[in-house]
Amino acid sequence: MLLGECKFKNSKVTISDCKDLKKCCNDMPKYYYIFSKSGFKEILIELSKKANIKLISLEEICNKT
């Protein structure tokens, strides 16, 4: 299952935001995609390297051809 969330705010996405996303589906195994206008806190970036979490910035979306 793929679960995604878009954060269009002026602050970086936190690990708490990620935990809230996981809670909404009872922590069932799945892949998480989080899209952010303002980037991600370093702790979330590190967690994403060890878990099924893909972080995608607005810059990445706009620079794709």
C-alpha atoms as a PDB file:
ATOM      1  CA  MET A   1       0.000   0.000   0.000  1.00  0.00           C
ATOM      2  CA  LEU A   2       1.237   3.483  -0.862  1.00  0.00           C
ATOM      3  CA  LEU A   3       0.261   6.373   1.401  1.00  0.00           C
ATOM      4  CA  GLY A   4       1.163   9.998   0.684  1.00  0.00           C
ATOM      5  CA  GLU A   5       0.719  13.420   2.185  1.00  0.00           C
ATOM      6  CA  CYS A   6       1.468  16.915   0.877  1.00  0.00           C
ATOM      7  CA  LYS A   7       2.698  19.638   3.221  1.00  0.00           C
ATOM      8  CA  PHE A   8       2.476  23.110   1.662  1.00  0.00           C
ATOM      9  CA  LYS A   9       3.617  25.206   4.595  1.00  0.00           C
ATOM     10  CA  ASN A  10       6.504  27.540   5.388  1.00  0.00           C
ATOM     11  CA  SER A  11       8.194  25.228   7.880  1.00  0.00           C
ATOM     12  CA  LYS A  12      10.021  21.948   7.429  1.00  0.00           C
ATOM     13  CA  VAL A  13       8.170  18.670   7.884  1.00  0.00           C
ATOM     14  CA  THR A  14       8.978  17.061  11.242  1.00  0.00           C
ATOM     15  CA  ILE A  15       9.172  13.496  12.467  1.00  0.00           C
ATOM     16  CA  SER A  16       5.943  14.187  14.353  1.00  0.00           C
ATOM     17  CA  ASP A  17       4.198  14.853  11.013  1.00  0.00           C
ATOM     18  CA  CYS A  18       5.450  11.482   9.793  1.00  0.00           C
ATOM     19  CA  LYS A  19       4.221   9.704  12.931  1.00  0.00           C
ATOM     20  CA  ASP A  20       0.773  11.263  12.452  1.00  0.00           C
ATOM     21  CA  LEU A  21       0.669   9.924   8.897  1.00  0.00           C
ATOM     22  CA  LYS A  22       1.600   6.430  10.083  1.00  0.00           C
ATOM     23  CA  LYS A  23      -1.030   6.513  12.858  1.00  0.00           C
ATOM     24  CA  CYS A  24      -3.876   7.191  10.460  1.00  0.00           C
ATOM     25  CA  CYS A  25      -3.527   3.678   9.017  1.00  0.00           C
ATOM     26  CA  ASN A  26      -2.758   1.751  12.199  1.00  0.00           C
ATOM     27  CA  ASP A  27       0.942   1.333  11.311  1.00  0.00           C
ATOM     28  CA  MET A  28       0.166  -1.306   8.678  1.00  0.00           C
ATOM     29  CA  PRO A  29       3.183  -2.087   6.448  1.00  0.00           C
ATOM     30  CA  LYS A  30       3.236   0.335   3.539  1.00  0.00           C
ATOM     31  CA  TYR A  31       5.321   2.875   1.689  1.00  0.00           C
ATOM     32  CA  TYR A  32       5.027   6.506   2.740  1.00  0.00           C
ATOM     33  CA  TYR A  33       5.596   9.463   0.414  1.00  0.00           C
ATOM     34  CA  ILE A  34       5.745  12.944   1.918  1.00  0.00           C
ATOM     35  CA  PHE A  35       5.836  15.979  -0.360  1.00  0.00           C
ATOM     36  CA  SER A  36       6.986  19.282   1.144  1.00  0.00           C
ATOM     37  CA  LYS A  37       7.225  22.896   0.028  1.00  0.00           C
ATOM     38  CA  SER A  38       9.839  23.789   2.668  1.00  0.00           C
ATOM     39  CA  GLY A  39      11.921  20.642   3.062  1.00  0.00           C
ATOM     40  CA  PHE A  40      12.403  18.222   5.937  1.00  0.00           C
ATOM     41  CA  LYS A  41      13.979  18.197   9.389  1.00  0.00           C
ATOM     42  CA  GLU A  42      17.303  16.316   9.466  1.00  0.00           C
ATOM     43  CA  ILE A  43      15.996  13.635  11.846  1.00  0.00           C
ATOM     44  CA  LEU A  44      13.223  12.788   9.358  1.00  0.00           C
ATOM     45  CA  ILE A  45      15.755  12.620   6.516  1.00  0.00           C
ATOM     46  CA  GLU A  46      17.819  10.128   8.525  1.00  0.00           C
ATOM     47  CA  LEU A  47      14.730   8.062   9.401  1.00  0.00           C
ATOM     48  CA  SER A  48      13.684   7.945   5.748  1.00  0.00           C
ATOM     49  CA  LYS A  49      16.962   6.196   4.875  1.00  0.00           C
ATOM     50  CA  LYS A  50      16.043   3.302   7.199  1.00  0.00           C
ATOM     51  CA  ALA A  51      12.306   3.041   6.575  1.00  0.00           C
ATOM     52  CA  ASN A  52       9.819   2.921   3.715  1.00  0.00           C
ATOM     53  CA  ILE A  53       9.605   6.714   3.620  1.00  0.00           C
ATOM     54  CA  LYS A  54      10.286   8.732   0.470  1.00  0.00           C
ATOM     55  CA  LEU A  55      10.733  12.479   0.953  1.00  0.00           C
ATOM     56  CA  ILE A  56      10.088  14.686  -2.065  1.00  0.00           C
ATOM     57  CA  SER A  57      10.689  18.435  -2.012  1.00  0.00           C
ATOM     58  CA  LEU A  58       8.929  21.035  -4.124  1.00  0.00           C
ATOM     59  CA  GLU A  59      12.307  21.738  -5.729  1.00  0.00           C
ATOM     60  CA  GLU A  60      12.555  18.103  -6.848  1.00  0.00           C
ATOM     61  CA  ILE A  61       9.065  18.214  -8.341  1.00  0.00           C
ATOM     62  CA  CYS A  62       9.672  21.474 -10.209  1.00  0.00           C
ATOM     63  CA  ASN A  63      13.077  20.419 -11.584  1.00  0.00           C
ATOM     64  CA  LYS A  64      11.838  17.125 -13.048  1.00  0.00           C
ATOM     65  CA  THR A  65      11.694  17.095 -16.835  1.00  0.00           C
END
